[in-house]
N, C-alpha and C. Protein backbone atom coordinates (compact mmCIF):
# COMPACT_ATOMS: atom_id res chain seq x y z
N MET A 1 162.91 24.08 257.91
CA MET A 1 163.91 24.94 258.53
C MET A 1 163.80 24.88 260.05
N LYS A 2 162.54 24.88 260.59
CA LYS A 2 162.35 24.80 262.03
C LYS A 2 162.94 23.52 262.58
N VAL A 3 162.73 22.39 261.85
CA VAL A 3 163.24 21.11 262.30
C VAL A 3 164.76 21.15 262.40
N ARG A 4 165.39 21.74 261.40
CA ARG A 4 166.85 21.81 261.40
C ARG A 4 167.37 22.64 262.56
N ILE A 5 166.71 23.76 262.82
CA ILE A 5 167.13 24.64 263.92
C ILE A 5 166.99 23.92 265.25
N LEU A 6 165.84 23.22 265.45
CA LEU A 6 165.61 22.50 266.70
C LEU A 6 166.63 21.39 266.88
N PHE A 7 166.92 20.66 265.80
CA PHE A 7 167.90 19.57 265.87
C PHE A 7 169.27 20.11 266.27
N THR A 8 169.66 21.24 265.67
CA THR A 8 170.95 21.84 266.00
C THR A 8 171.00 22.26 267.46
N ALA A 9 169.90 22.83 267.93
CA ALA A 9 169.85 23.26 269.32
C ALA A 9 169.96 22.08 270.28
N VAL A 10 169.27 21.00 269.96
CA VAL A 10 169.30 19.81 270.82
C VAL A 10 170.71 19.23 270.87
N VAL A 11 171.36 19.13 269.70
CA VAL A 11 172.73 18.61 269.67
C VAL A 11 173.64 19.47 270.53
N GLY A 12 173.46 20.78 270.43
CA GLY A 12 174.29 21.68 271.22
C GLY A 12 174.10 21.45 272.71
N MET A 13 172.86 21.28 273.15
CA MET A 13 172.59 21.06 274.57
C MET A 13 173.17 19.74 275.05
N LEU A 14 173.07 18.69 274.22
CA LEU A 14 173.60 17.38 274.60
C LEU A 14 175.11 17.42 274.74
N LEU A 15 175.77 18.13 273.84
CA LEU A 15 177.22 18.24 273.93
C LEU A 15 177.64 18.97 275.19
N LEU A 16 176.87 20.03 275.53
CA LEU A 16 177.17 20.77 276.75
C LEU A 16 176.97 19.90 277.98
N ALA A 17 176.03 18.95 277.89
CA ALA A 17 175.74 18.09 279.03
C ALA A 17 176.71 16.92 279.12
N GLY A 18 177.63 16.80 278.19
CA GLY A 18 178.61 15.73 278.23
C GLY A 18 178.15 14.46 277.58
N CYS A 19 177.09 14.49 276.77
CA CYS A 19 176.59 13.30 276.11
C CYS A 19 177.18 13.20 274.71
N THR A 20 177.06 12.03 274.13
CA THR A 20 177.56 11.80 272.78
C THR A 20 176.40 11.55 271.85
N VAL A 21 176.42 12.19 270.67
CA VAL A 21 175.37 12.01 269.69
C VAL A 21 175.95 11.27 268.51
N MET A 22 175.37 10.17 268.14
CA MET A 22 175.80 9.39 266.98
C MET A 22 174.89 9.71 265.81
N VAL A 23 175.44 10.21 264.72
CA VAL A 23 174.66 10.55 263.54
C VAL A 23 175.08 9.62 262.41
N PRO A 24 174.11 8.90 261.82
CA PRO A 24 174.47 7.97 260.74
C PRO A 24 174.99 8.71 259.52
N GLY A 25 175.82 8.03 258.74
CA GLY A 25 176.36 8.61 257.52
C GLY A 25 177.86 8.43 257.44
N THR A 26 178.45 8.93 256.37
CA THR A 26 179.89 8.80 256.13
C THR A 26 180.58 10.12 256.40
N ALA A 27 181.65 10.07 257.16
CA ALA A 27 182.39 11.29 257.48
C ALA A 27 183.05 11.84 256.22
N VAL A 28 182.96 13.17 256.05
CA VAL A 28 183.56 13.84 254.91
C VAL A 28 184.57 14.84 255.42
N PRO A 29 185.81 14.81 254.94
CA PRO A 29 186.82 15.76 255.43
C PRO A 29 186.45 17.19 255.08
N ALA A 30 186.83 18.10 255.96
CA ALA A 30 186.52 19.52 255.74
C ALA A 30 187.26 20.04 254.52
N ASP A 31 186.62 20.97 253.84
CA ASP A 31 187.23 21.58 252.66
C ASP A 31 188.20 22.66 253.12
N SER A 32 189.48 22.41 252.95
CA SER A 32 190.49 23.36 253.41
C SER A 32 190.95 24.30 252.30
N ASP A 33 190.38 24.13 251.10
CA ASP A 33 190.81 24.95 249.97
C ASP A 33 190.02 26.24 249.82
N GLY A 34 189.00 26.44 250.65
CA GLY A 34 188.19 27.64 250.54
C GLY A 34 187.16 27.51 249.44
N PRO A 35 186.44 28.59 249.14
CA PRO A 35 185.39 28.55 248.12
C PRO A 35 185.95 28.27 246.73
N LEU A 36 185.13 27.66 245.91
CA LEU A 36 185.54 27.36 244.55
C LEU A 36 185.76 28.65 243.76
N LYS A 37 186.81 28.68 242.99
CA LYS A 37 187.09 29.86 242.17
C LYS A 37 186.21 29.83 240.92
N PRO A 38 185.77 31.00 240.46
CA PRO A 38 184.93 31.03 239.25
C PRO A 38 185.73 30.61 238.03
N LYS A 39 185.05 30.05 237.07
CA LYS A 39 185.70 29.69 235.82
C LYS A 39 186.10 30.97 235.08
N PRO A 40 187.36 31.08 234.65
CA PRO A 40 187.80 32.31 233.98
C PRO A 40 186.99 32.60 232.71
N VAL A 41 186.77 33.88 232.46
CA VAL A 41 186.12 34.29 231.22
C VAL A 41 187.09 34.04 230.07
N ALA A 42 186.60 33.45 229.00
CA ALA A 42 187.45 33.11 227.86
C ALA A 42 187.96 34.37 227.16
N THR A 43 189.16 34.29 226.64
CA THR A 43 189.76 35.41 225.91
C THR A 43 188.89 35.85 224.74
N SER A 44 188.28 34.89 224.08
CA SER A 44 187.45 35.19 222.91
C SER A 44 186.21 36.00 223.25
N ALA A 45 185.84 36.04 224.53
CA ALA A 45 184.62 36.73 224.94
C ALA A 45 184.88 38.12 225.51
N VAL A 46 186.14 38.54 225.57
CA VAL A 46 186.49 39.78 226.25
C VAL A 46 185.79 40.99 225.64
N GLU A 47 185.81 41.13 224.33
CA GLU A 47 185.20 42.30 223.69
C GLU A 47 183.70 42.38 223.96
N ASP A 48 183.05 41.24 224.09
CA ASP A 48 181.61 41.22 224.33
C ASP A 48 181.24 41.69 225.72
N LEU A 49 182.22 41.85 226.60
CA LEU A 49 181.94 42.31 227.96
C LEU A 49 181.66 43.81 228.02
N LEU A 50 182.13 44.55 227.04
CA LEU A 50 181.94 46.01 227.03
C LEU A 50 180.46 46.35 226.91
N ALA A 51 180.07 47.45 227.56
CA ALA A 51 178.67 47.88 227.53
C ALA A 51 178.33 48.51 226.18
N GLY A 52 177.08 48.38 225.76
CA GLY A 52 176.64 48.94 224.49
C GLY A 52 176.44 50.44 224.56
N PRO A 53 176.47 51.13 223.42
CA PRO A 53 176.33 52.59 223.39
C PRO A 53 175.03 53.10 224.02
N VAL A 54 173.94 52.39 223.82
CA VAL A 54 172.66 52.83 224.38
C VAL A 54 172.70 52.76 225.90
N GLU A 55 173.24 51.66 226.44
CA GLU A 55 173.35 51.51 227.89
C GLU A 55 174.26 52.59 228.47
N VAL A 56 175.40 52.80 227.84
CA VAL A 56 176.36 53.78 228.33
C VAL A 56 175.76 55.18 228.29
N SER A 57 175.05 55.50 227.22
CA SER A 57 174.44 56.82 227.07
C SER A 57 173.41 57.07 228.16
N LYS A 58 172.66 56.04 228.50
CA LYS A 58 171.63 56.18 229.54
C LYS A 58 172.28 56.45 230.89
N VAL A 59 173.34 55.72 231.21
CA VAL A 59 174.04 55.92 232.48
C VAL A 59 174.68 57.30 232.54
N ALA A 60 175.21 57.76 231.39
CA ALA A 60 175.87 59.06 231.34
C ALA A 60 174.88 60.22 231.41
N GLY A 61 173.60 59.92 231.21
CA GLY A 61 172.60 60.98 231.21
C GLY A 61 172.61 61.80 229.95
N SER A 62 173.11 61.21 228.87
CA SER A 62 173.19 61.93 227.60
C SER A 62 171.83 61.93 226.91
N GLY A 63 171.50 63.07 226.30
CA GLY A 63 170.24 63.16 225.58
C GLY A 63 170.25 62.44 224.26
N THR A 64 171.44 62.10 223.78
CA THR A 64 171.58 61.37 222.52
C THR A 64 172.48 60.15 222.75
N THR A 65 172.45 59.23 221.83
CA THR A 65 173.30 58.05 221.94
C THR A 65 174.74 58.41 221.62
N LEU A 66 175.64 58.07 222.54
CA LEU A 66 177.06 58.36 222.32
C LEU A 66 177.60 57.52 221.17
N VAL A 67 178.56 58.08 220.47
CA VAL A 67 179.11 57.45 219.28
C VAL A 67 180.53 56.97 219.55
N GLN A 68 180.86 55.79 219.04
CA GLN A 68 182.21 55.27 219.21
C GLN A 68 183.19 56.10 218.39
N GLN A 69 184.22 56.61 219.05
CA GLN A 69 185.22 57.43 218.39
C GLN A 69 186.52 56.68 218.12
N ALA A 70 186.80 55.69 218.94
CA ALA A 70 188.05 54.92 218.79
C ALA A 70 187.92 53.62 219.56
N ARG A 71 188.81 52.69 219.26
CA ARG A 71 188.87 51.44 219.99
C ARG A 71 190.32 51.12 220.32
N ALA A 72 190.51 50.29 221.35
CA ALA A 72 191.86 49.94 221.78
C ALA A 72 192.03 48.43 221.83
N THR A 73 193.20 47.98 221.43
CA THR A 73 193.51 46.55 221.49
C THR A 73 194.85 46.32 222.19
N GLY A 74 195.40 47.38 222.79
CA GLY A 74 196.68 47.25 223.47
C GLY A 74 196.86 48.35 224.50
N MET A 75 198.03 48.43 225.10
CA MET A 75 198.31 49.41 226.13
C MET A 75 198.94 50.66 225.53
N SER A 76 198.83 51.77 226.26
CA SER A 76 199.41 53.03 225.80
C SER A 76 200.24 53.64 226.92
N ASP A 77 200.88 54.75 226.61
CA ASP A 77 201.73 55.43 227.58
C ASP A 77 201.47 56.93 227.47
N SER A 78 200.78 57.49 228.46
CA SER A 78 200.43 58.92 228.43
C SER A 78 201.65 59.75 228.80
N THR A 79 202.50 59.99 227.82
CA THR A 79 203.74 60.73 228.06
C THR A 79 203.48 62.21 228.32
N GLY A 80 202.26 62.67 228.06
CA GLY A 80 201.95 64.07 228.30
C GLY A 80 201.78 64.41 229.77
N ILE A 81 201.72 63.41 230.63
CA ILE A 81 201.57 63.65 232.07
C ILE A 81 202.93 63.89 232.69
N SER A 82 203.03 64.97 233.48
CA SER A 82 204.32 65.35 234.06
C SER A 82 204.84 64.31 235.04
N SER A 83 203.96 63.65 235.77
CA SER A 83 204.38 62.65 236.74
C SER A 83 204.21 61.26 236.15
N ARG A 84 205.33 60.61 235.85
CA ARG A 84 205.28 59.27 235.28
C ARG A 84 204.57 58.29 236.23
N ASP A 85 204.75 58.50 237.53
CA ASP A 85 204.17 57.60 238.52
C ASP A 85 202.64 57.69 238.57
N CYS A 86 202.08 58.77 238.03
CA CYS A 86 200.63 58.95 238.11
C CYS A 86 199.91 58.64 236.79
N ARG A 87 200.63 58.11 235.84
CA ARG A 87 199.98 57.75 234.57
C ARG A 87 198.94 56.66 234.78
N SER A 88 199.20 55.77 235.71
CA SER A 88 198.26 54.69 236.00
C SER A 88 196.91 55.23 236.45
N ALA A 89 196.94 56.23 237.33
CA ALA A 89 195.70 56.82 237.84
C ALA A 89 195.06 57.77 236.83
N TRP A 90 195.83 58.21 235.86
CA TRP A 90 195.37 59.22 234.91
C TRP A 90 194.41 58.66 233.88
N SER A 91 194.73 57.51 233.30
CA SER A 91 193.96 57.03 232.15
C SER A 91 193.94 55.51 232.10
N PRO A 92 192.90 54.93 231.51
CA PRO A 92 192.83 53.47 231.37
C PRO A 92 193.90 52.92 230.42
N LEU A 93 194.18 51.65 230.59
CA LEU A 93 195.06 50.88 229.71
C LEU A 93 196.45 51.49 229.60
N GLN A 94 197.00 51.87 230.74
CA GLN A 94 198.35 52.42 230.76
C GLN A 94 199.39 51.33 230.98
N LYS A 95 200.50 51.44 230.27
CA LYS A 95 201.60 50.50 230.49
C LYS A 95 202.05 50.55 231.95
N ALA A 96 201.97 51.73 232.56
CA ALA A 96 202.37 51.87 233.96
C ALA A 96 201.53 51.00 234.88
N SER A 97 200.32 50.68 234.45
CA SER A 97 199.44 49.82 235.25
C SER A 97 199.67 48.34 234.98
N TYR A 98 199.87 48.00 233.71
CA TYR A 98 199.80 46.59 233.31
C TYR A 98 201.13 45.91 232.98
N ASP A 99 202.19 46.67 232.76
CA ASP A 99 203.47 46.04 232.44
C ASP A 99 203.90 45.09 233.56
N GLY A 100 204.22 43.86 233.19
CA GLY A 100 204.67 42.88 234.17
C GLY A 100 203.57 42.18 234.92
N SER A 101 202.31 42.49 234.59
CA SER A 101 201.17 41.89 235.32
C SER A 101 200.74 40.55 234.75
N GLY A 102 201.20 40.23 233.54
CA GLY A 102 200.80 38.97 232.92
C GLY A 102 199.45 39.02 232.23
N TRP A 103 198.99 40.23 231.87
CA TRP A 103 197.70 40.35 231.19
C TRP A 103 197.74 39.60 229.86
N ILE A 104 196.55 39.14 229.42
CA ILE A 104 196.47 38.31 228.21
C ILE A 104 195.88 39.05 227.03
N SER A 105 194.69 39.62 227.22
CA SER A 105 194.02 40.30 226.11
C SER A 105 193.32 41.55 226.61
N VAL A 106 193.03 42.46 225.69
CA VAL A 106 192.44 43.74 226.06
C VAL A 106 191.44 44.18 225.00
N ALA A 107 190.41 44.87 225.45
CA ALA A 107 189.45 45.48 224.54
C ALA A 107 189.00 46.80 225.15
N GLY A 108 188.90 47.82 224.33
CA GLY A 108 188.48 49.12 224.85
C GLY A 108 187.81 49.96 223.78
N LYS A 109 186.93 50.85 224.22
CA LYS A 109 186.24 51.75 223.30
C LYS A 109 186.11 53.13 223.94
N ILE A 110 186.20 54.15 223.10
CA ILE A 110 185.95 55.52 223.53
C ILE A 110 184.68 56.01 222.86
N LEU A 111 183.73 56.48 223.67
CA LEU A 111 182.47 56.98 223.14
C LEU A 111 182.28 58.43 223.58
N SER A 112 181.67 59.22 222.72
CA SER A 112 181.37 60.61 223.08
C SER A 112 180.22 61.13 222.23
N ASP A 113 179.78 62.35 222.57
CA ASP A 113 178.78 63.00 221.74
C ASP A 113 179.37 63.24 220.35
N GLU A 114 178.53 63.18 219.35
CA GLU A 114 179.01 63.41 217.99
C GLU A 114 179.10 64.91 217.75
N ARG A 115 180.30 65.44 217.87
CA ARG A 115 180.54 66.87 217.69
C ARG A 115 181.67 67.08 216.70
N ASP A 116 181.79 68.33 216.21
CA ASP A 116 182.95 68.63 215.37
C ASP A 116 184.18 68.79 216.27
N LYS A 117 185.35 68.80 215.67
CA LYS A 117 186.59 68.79 216.43
C LYS A 117 186.80 70.06 217.26
N GLU A 118 186.11 71.13 216.91
CA GLU A 118 186.30 72.39 217.62
C GLU A 118 185.39 72.52 218.83
N THR A 119 184.43 71.63 218.97
CA THR A 119 183.46 71.72 220.06
C THR A 119 183.70 70.61 221.08
N ARG A 120 183.85 71.01 222.33
CA ARG A 120 184.08 70.01 223.36
C ARG A 120 182.79 69.23 223.62
N PRO A 121 182.85 67.91 223.63
CA PRO A 121 181.65 67.11 223.87
C PRO A 121 181.17 67.23 225.31
N ASP A 122 179.92 66.90 225.53
CA ASP A 122 179.37 66.92 226.89
C ASP A 122 179.85 65.72 227.70
N ASN A 123 180.05 64.60 227.03
CA ASN A 123 180.47 63.37 227.70
C ASN A 123 181.52 62.64 226.86
N VAL A 124 182.56 62.19 227.51
CA VAL A 124 183.54 61.30 226.88
C VAL A 124 183.74 60.12 227.82
N ILE A 125 183.50 58.93 227.33
CA ILE A 125 183.61 57.74 228.18
C ILE A 125 184.54 56.72 227.53
N THR A 126 185.55 56.34 228.28
CA THR A 126 186.44 55.25 227.87
C THR A 126 186.12 54.04 228.73
N GLN A 127 185.80 52.94 228.09
CA GLN A 127 185.56 51.70 228.83
C GLN A 127 186.53 50.64 228.31
N ALA A 128 187.08 49.87 229.23
CA ALA A 128 188.09 48.88 228.83
C ALA A 128 188.04 47.67 229.74
N VAL A 129 188.39 46.52 229.18
CA VAL A 129 188.49 45.28 229.95
C VAL A 129 189.80 44.59 229.59
N VAL A 130 190.41 43.98 230.58
CA VAL A 130 191.68 43.28 230.40
C VAL A 130 191.58 41.92 231.07
N SER A 131 191.94 40.87 230.36
CA SER A 131 191.83 39.53 230.93
C SER A 131 193.17 39.04 231.47
N PHE A 132 193.06 38.19 232.50
CA PHE A 132 194.21 37.52 233.10
C PHE A 132 193.96 36.02 233.10
N ASN A 133 194.97 35.25 233.47
CA ASN A 133 194.82 33.79 233.47
C ASN A 133 193.68 33.33 234.36
N ASP A 134 193.60 33.90 235.56
CA ASP A 134 192.58 33.51 236.51
C ASP A 134 192.32 34.65 237.48
N SER A 135 191.41 34.42 238.43
CA SER A 135 191.03 35.47 239.37
C SER A 135 192.19 35.83 240.30
N ASP A 136 193.05 34.87 240.62
CA ASP A 136 194.20 35.16 241.49
C ASP A 136 195.14 36.16 240.82
N ALA A 137 195.38 35.97 239.54
CA ALA A 137 196.26 36.89 238.81
C ALA A 137 195.65 38.29 238.75
N ALA A 138 194.33 38.36 238.55
CA ALA A 138 193.65 39.65 238.52
C ALA A 138 193.71 40.34 239.88
N ASP A 139 193.55 39.56 240.95
CA ASP A 139 193.62 40.13 242.30
C ASP A 139 195.02 40.67 242.60
N THR A 140 196.04 39.94 242.16
CA THR A 140 197.41 40.39 242.37
C THR A 140 197.66 41.70 241.63
N PHE A 141 197.18 41.79 240.40
CA PHE A 141 197.28 43.04 239.63
C PHE A 141 196.59 44.18 240.37
N PHE A 142 195.38 43.92 240.86
CA PHE A 142 194.60 44.97 241.53
C PHE A 142 195.31 45.49 242.77
N SER A 143 195.92 44.59 243.52
CA SER A 143 196.65 45.00 244.72
C SER A 143 197.79 45.95 244.37
N GLY A 144 198.51 45.63 243.31
CA GLY A 144 199.63 46.48 242.91
C GLY A 144 199.20 47.83 242.37
N VAL A 145 198.16 47.84 241.55
CA VAL A 145 197.71 49.10 240.95
C VAL A 145 197.06 50.01 242.00
N THR A 146 196.46 49.42 243.01
CA THR A 146 195.89 50.23 244.10
C THR A 146 196.97 51.03 244.80
N LYS A 147 198.12 50.42 245.03
CA LYS A 147 199.23 51.13 245.67
C LYS A 147 199.71 52.28 244.79
N ARG A 148 199.76 52.07 243.48
CA ARG A 148 200.20 53.13 242.57
C ARG A 148 199.23 54.31 242.62
N TRP A 149 197.94 54.00 242.59
CA TRP A 149 196.95 55.07 242.63
C TRP A 149 197.04 55.86 243.93
N LYS A 150 197.15 55.16 245.05
CA LYS A 150 197.16 55.83 246.35
C LYS A 150 198.38 56.73 246.49
N ALA A 151 199.46 56.40 245.79
CA ALA A 151 200.65 57.26 245.82
C ALA A 151 200.39 58.59 245.12
N CYS A 152 199.31 58.67 244.34
CA CYS A 152 198.97 59.90 243.61
C CYS A 152 197.77 60.63 244.20
N SER A 153 197.28 60.18 245.33
CA SER A 153 196.14 60.84 245.97
C SER A 153 196.46 62.30 246.27
N ASP A 154 195.50 63.17 245.95
CA ASP A 154 195.59 64.59 246.29
C ASP A 154 196.86 65.25 245.73
N LYS A 155 197.26 64.84 244.55
CA LYS A 155 198.42 65.45 243.90
C LYS A 155 198.00 66.27 242.69
N SER A 156 198.88 67.14 242.25
CA SER A 156 198.65 67.92 241.04
C SER A 156 199.60 67.44 239.95
N VAL A 157 199.08 67.38 238.73
CA VAL A 157 199.91 66.98 237.59
C VAL A 157 199.69 67.98 236.46
N VAL A 158 200.63 68.04 235.56
CA VAL A 158 200.53 68.92 234.39
C VAL A 158 200.39 68.04 233.16
N TYR A 159 199.37 68.33 232.36
CA TYR A 159 199.18 67.59 231.12
C TYR A 159 199.54 68.48 229.94
N THR A 160 200.44 68.01 229.10
CA THR A 160 200.87 68.76 227.92
C THR A 160 200.29 68.13 226.67
N GLN A 161 199.49 68.89 225.95
CA GLN A 161 198.89 68.39 224.72
C GLN A 161 199.93 68.34 223.60
N ASP A 162 199.57 67.69 222.50
CA ASP A 162 200.49 67.56 221.37
C ASP A 162 200.96 68.92 220.86
N GLY A 163 200.07 69.92 220.91
CA GLY A 163 200.43 71.24 220.42
C GLY A 163 201.25 72.06 221.40
N GLY A 164 201.50 71.52 222.59
CA GLY A 164 202.30 72.23 223.58
C GLY A 164 201.51 72.92 224.68
N LYS A 165 200.18 73.02 224.52
CA LYS A 165 199.37 73.66 225.55
C LYS A 165 199.36 72.81 226.80
N GLN A 166 199.55 73.49 227.96
CA GLN A 166 199.60 72.78 229.23
C GLN A 166 198.41 73.12 230.12
N THR A 167 197.93 72.13 230.84
CA THR A 167 196.82 72.30 231.77
C THR A 167 197.17 71.64 233.09
N ASN A 168 196.91 72.35 234.19
CA ASN A 168 197.11 71.77 235.52
C ASN A 168 195.87 70.98 235.92
N TRP A 169 196.08 69.80 236.43
CA TRP A 169 194.99 68.94 236.89
C TRP A 169 195.22 68.56 238.35
N SER A 170 194.13 68.55 239.11
CA SER A 170 194.19 68.11 240.50
C SER A 170 193.58 66.73 240.63
N LEU A 171 194.32 65.80 241.22
CA LEU A 171 193.81 64.47 241.48
C LEU A 171 193.25 64.42 242.90
N GLY A 172 192.10 63.79 243.05
CA GLY A 172 191.48 63.70 244.36
C GLY A 172 191.99 62.50 245.14
N PRO A 173 191.37 62.22 246.29
CA PRO A 173 191.75 61.04 247.06
C PRO A 173 191.26 59.76 246.39
N VAL A 174 191.94 58.67 246.63
CA VAL A 174 191.51 57.38 246.10
C VAL A 174 190.46 56.79 247.04
N ILE A 175 189.31 56.48 246.48
CA ILE A 175 188.23 55.85 247.25
C ILE A 175 188.22 54.37 246.88
N SER A 176 188.23 53.49 247.87
CA SER A 176 188.30 52.06 247.59
C SER A 176 187.23 51.30 248.36
N GLY A 177 186.86 50.13 247.81
CA GLY A 177 185.87 49.26 248.43
C GLY A 177 185.30 48.30 247.41
N ASP A 178 185.01 47.07 247.84
CA ASP A 178 184.40 46.06 246.97
C ASP A 178 185.27 45.78 245.75
N ASP A 179 186.59 45.71 245.95
CA ASP A 179 187.53 45.44 244.85
C ASP A 179 187.40 46.47 243.74
N VAL A 180 187.14 47.72 244.12
CA VAL A 180 187.03 48.83 243.16
C VAL A 180 187.75 50.04 243.75
N ILE A 181 188.50 50.74 242.91
CA ILE A 181 189.10 52.02 243.32
C ILE A 181 188.65 53.09 242.34
N GLN A 182 188.54 54.31 242.82
CA GLN A 182 188.17 55.42 241.94
C GLN A 182 188.85 56.70 242.39
N ILE A 183 189.15 57.56 241.42
CA ILE A 183 189.83 58.81 241.71
C ILE A 183 189.25 59.89 240.80
N SER A 184 189.12 61.10 241.33
CA SER A 184 188.60 62.22 240.54
C SER A 184 189.76 63.04 239.99
N GLN A 185 189.50 63.70 238.85
CA GLN A 185 190.49 64.54 238.19
C GLN A 185 189.80 65.84 237.80
N THR A 186 190.35 66.97 238.21
CA THR A 186 189.72 68.26 237.93
C THR A 186 190.70 69.19 237.22
N ALA A 187 190.25 69.76 236.10
CA ALA A 187 191.10 70.65 235.31
C ALA A 187 191.07 72.06 235.89
N GLU A 188 192.23 72.65 236.08
CA GLU A 188 192.31 74.01 236.59
C GLU A 188 191.84 74.99 235.51
N GLY A 189 190.88 75.84 235.85
CA GLY A 189 190.34 76.79 234.88
C GLY A 189 189.48 76.14 233.83
N GLY A 190 189.00 74.94 234.11
CA GLY A 190 188.22 74.20 233.11
C GLY A 190 186.72 74.37 233.24
N ARG A 191 186.28 75.32 234.06
CA ARG A 191 184.85 75.57 234.24
C ARG A 191 184.09 74.31 234.65
N GLY A 192 184.67 73.59 235.59
CA GLY A 192 184.01 72.40 236.11
C GLY A 192 184.33 71.12 235.36
N TRP A 193 185.11 71.25 234.27
CA TRP A 193 185.44 70.05 233.50
C TRP A 193 186.37 69.14 234.31
N GLY A 194 186.02 67.88 234.34
CA GLY A 194 186.83 66.92 235.08
C GLY A 194 186.50 65.50 234.67
N CYS A 195 187.14 64.56 235.34
CA CYS A 195 186.95 63.15 235.00
C CYS A 195 186.85 62.31 236.27
N GLN A 196 186.22 61.18 236.13
CA GLN A 196 186.17 60.18 237.19
C GLN A 196 186.71 58.88 236.62
N HIS A 197 187.74 58.34 237.26
CA HIS A 197 188.40 57.12 236.79
C HIS A 197 188.12 55.99 237.78
N VAL A 198 187.60 54.89 237.28
CA VAL A 198 187.24 53.74 238.11
C VAL A 198 187.97 52.50 237.59
N LEU A 199 188.50 51.71 238.50
CA LEU A 199 189.15 50.45 238.14
C LEU A 199 188.80 49.39 239.17
N GLY A 200 188.50 48.20 238.71
CA GLY A 200 188.21 47.11 239.63
C GLY A 200 188.36 45.78 238.93
N VAL A 201 188.27 44.71 239.68
CA VAL A 201 188.38 43.37 239.10
C VAL A 201 187.16 42.54 239.45
N ARG A 202 186.75 41.74 238.49
CA ARG A 202 185.70 40.75 238.67
C ARG A 202 186.17 39.48 237.97
N ASN A 203 186.25 38.38 238.74
CA ASN A 203 186.76 37.13 238.22
C ASN A 203 188.19 37.36 237.69
N ASN A 204 188.47 37.00 236.46
CA ASN A 204 189.81 37.18 235.89
C ASN A 204 189.90 38.42 235.00
N ILE A 205 188.94 39.33 235.18
CA ILE A 205 188.84 40.52 234.32
C ILE A 205 189.06 41.81 235.11
N ALA A 206 189.95 42.65 234.62
CA ALA A 206 190.09 44.01 235.15
C ALA A 206 189.21 44.93 234.31
N ILE A 207 188.46 45.79 234.97
CA ILE A 207 187.54 46.71 234.30
C ILE A 207 187.99 48.14 234.60
N GLU A 208 188.09 48.96 233.56
CA GLU A 208 188.43 50.37 233.74
C GLU A 208 187.44 51.24 233.00
N VAL A 209 187.02 52.31 233.65
CA VAL A 209 186.12 53.27 233.01
C VAL A 209 186.59 54.68 233.38
N LEU A 210 186.66 55.55 232.38
CA LEU A 210 186.98 56.96 232.60
C LEU A 210 185.86 57.79 231.98
N HIS A 211 185.20 58.61 232.80
CA HIS A 211 184.13 59.48 232.31
C HIS A 211 184.54 60.92 232.52
N CYS A 212 184.56 61.71 231.45
CA CYS A 212 184.91 63.12 231.52
C CYS A 212 183.72 63.97 231.09
N ALA A 213 183.44 65.00 231.87
CA ALA A 213 182.29 65.87 231.63
C ALA A 213 182.41 67.08 232.55
N GLU A 214 181.46 67.98 232.46
CA GLU A 214 181.39 69.08 233.42
C GLU A 214 180.72 68.55 234.68
N GLY A 215 181.46 68.54 235.78
CA GLY A 215 180.92 68.04 237.04
C GLY A 215 180.57 66.57 237.01
N PRO A 216 181.49 65.68 236.63
CA PRO A 216 181.17 64.26 236.58
C PRO A 216 180.81 63.71 237.97
N GLY A 217 179.88 62.76 237.98
CA GLY A 217 179.46 62.16 239.25
C GLY A 217 179.82 60.69 239.31
N GLU A 218 178.77 59.86 239.42
CA GLU A 218 178.98 58.42 239.55
C GLU A 218 178.76 57.67 238.24
N GLN A 219 178.80 58.39 237.13
CA GLN A 219 178.54 57.73 235.84
C GLN A 219 179.59 56.66 235.52
N ALA A 220 180.85 56.94 235.85
CA ALA A 220 181.89 55.95 235.57
C ALA A 220 181.64 54.66 236.35
N ARG A 221 181.22 54.80 237.60
CA ARG A 221 180.91 53.60 238.39
C ARG A 221 179.70 52.89 237.81
N GLY A 222 178.76 53.66 237.28
CA GLY A 222 177.58 53.05 236.67
C GLY A 222 177.93 52.20 235.47
N VAL A 223 178.83 52.70 234.62
CA VAL A 223 179.27 51.92 233.46
C VAL A 223 180.09 50.71 233.92
N PHE A 224 180.90 50.90 234.95
CA PHE A 224 181.65 49.77 235.53
C PHE A 224 180.69 48.66 235.94
N ASP A 225 179.60 49.02 236.60
CA ASP A 225 178.63 48.02 237.05
C ASP A 225 177.99 47.28 235.88
N LEU A 226 177.76 47.99 234.77
CA LEU A 226 177.21 47.33 233.57
C LEU A 226 178.16 46.24 233.08
N ILE A 227 179.44 46.58 233.02
CA ILE A 227 180.43 45.61 232.54
C ILE A 227 180.59 44.47 233.54
N ALA A 228 180.60 44.81 234.83
CA ALA A 228 180.74 43.78 235.86
C ALA A 228 179.59 42.78 235.78
N ARG A 229 178.41 43.28 235.44
CA ARG A 229 177.25 42.38 235.29
C ARG A 229 177.47 41.44 234.11
N ASN A 230 178.05 41.95 233.05
CA ASN A 230 178.35 41.10 231.89
C ASN A 230 179.37 40.01 232.25
N VAL A 231 180.34 40.38 233.08
CA VAL A 231 181.33 39.39 233.51
C VAL A 231 180.66 38.30 234.34
N GLY A 232 179.77 38.72 235.24
CA GLY A 232 179.08 37.76 236.09
C GLY A 232 178.17 36.82 235.33
N ASP A 233 177.69 37.27 234.18
CA ASP A 233 176.78 36.44 233.38
C ASP A 233 177.51 35.37 232.57
N ARG A 234 178.84 35.45 232.53
CA ARG A 234 179.60 34.49 231.71
C ARG A 234 179.77 33.16 232.44
C-alpha cells in the first residue's frame, strides 16, 4: 500500500512539473455505465426472503413465539380508510401502492401472539416482499410510493371496521433515508396503541413491514433489516 501511495504521489508531482510519465500496459476505456447492477432475486425465492417467526418474535420483544395468522399472495384495497390517497401509507400490499408498477410476485405473512378473538394481541406484525424485473424497476416504484406517503404526512384518517365502528388515526411525518421510508400511526383513544409502517427496496425487491403494539418503536425497521439481509444473501 505504501508503494502505491508513493508512486501516485510521484506521478502527481511529475505531471505538475510538466513531465510525461510512460506506463507500460494496454489502455482500457473508462466504464461509463456505472457500477454493475446486482443480479435480480428469482421469483421462486421470494417467499424464502421473509423472516422466520423466532427471529421476528425476538425483534418484537415478545415473550413467546409469534404465530402465523394469515398469508398473502396478492394485493388488497383497504376500503375502510376514509382517505383513498392514504391507503398506501396505511397498510402493506395495497393496490394504491403497486397498481401500474409492474410488480411480478408477492409473498406476505401476518404474525401475532396466540390469543382468542376477544383479546387484543401485544404484537401484530405484517411482513411482505414484492419482486420486480430488476433494481431499476424497484427504484422507480419506490420513488413513486415515497411521494404518496409524503402527501399523507401529519394527516388524520378515519378507519371503519366491518361492523361499522370507527376510529380516528393520526399519521406522523414520513422519515426517509437509505432507500427506506417509515411512518407512524396512532389510534385516538387507543391507550398508546399504534403502528409503525416501513417500506424500502433492496435489489429488485420491495420490503414492507407493519408492526402494531402499545407504543411501537423500531421493531418494524428491525424486521425490515432481517429481510434485507436475506435479500443481500441471494
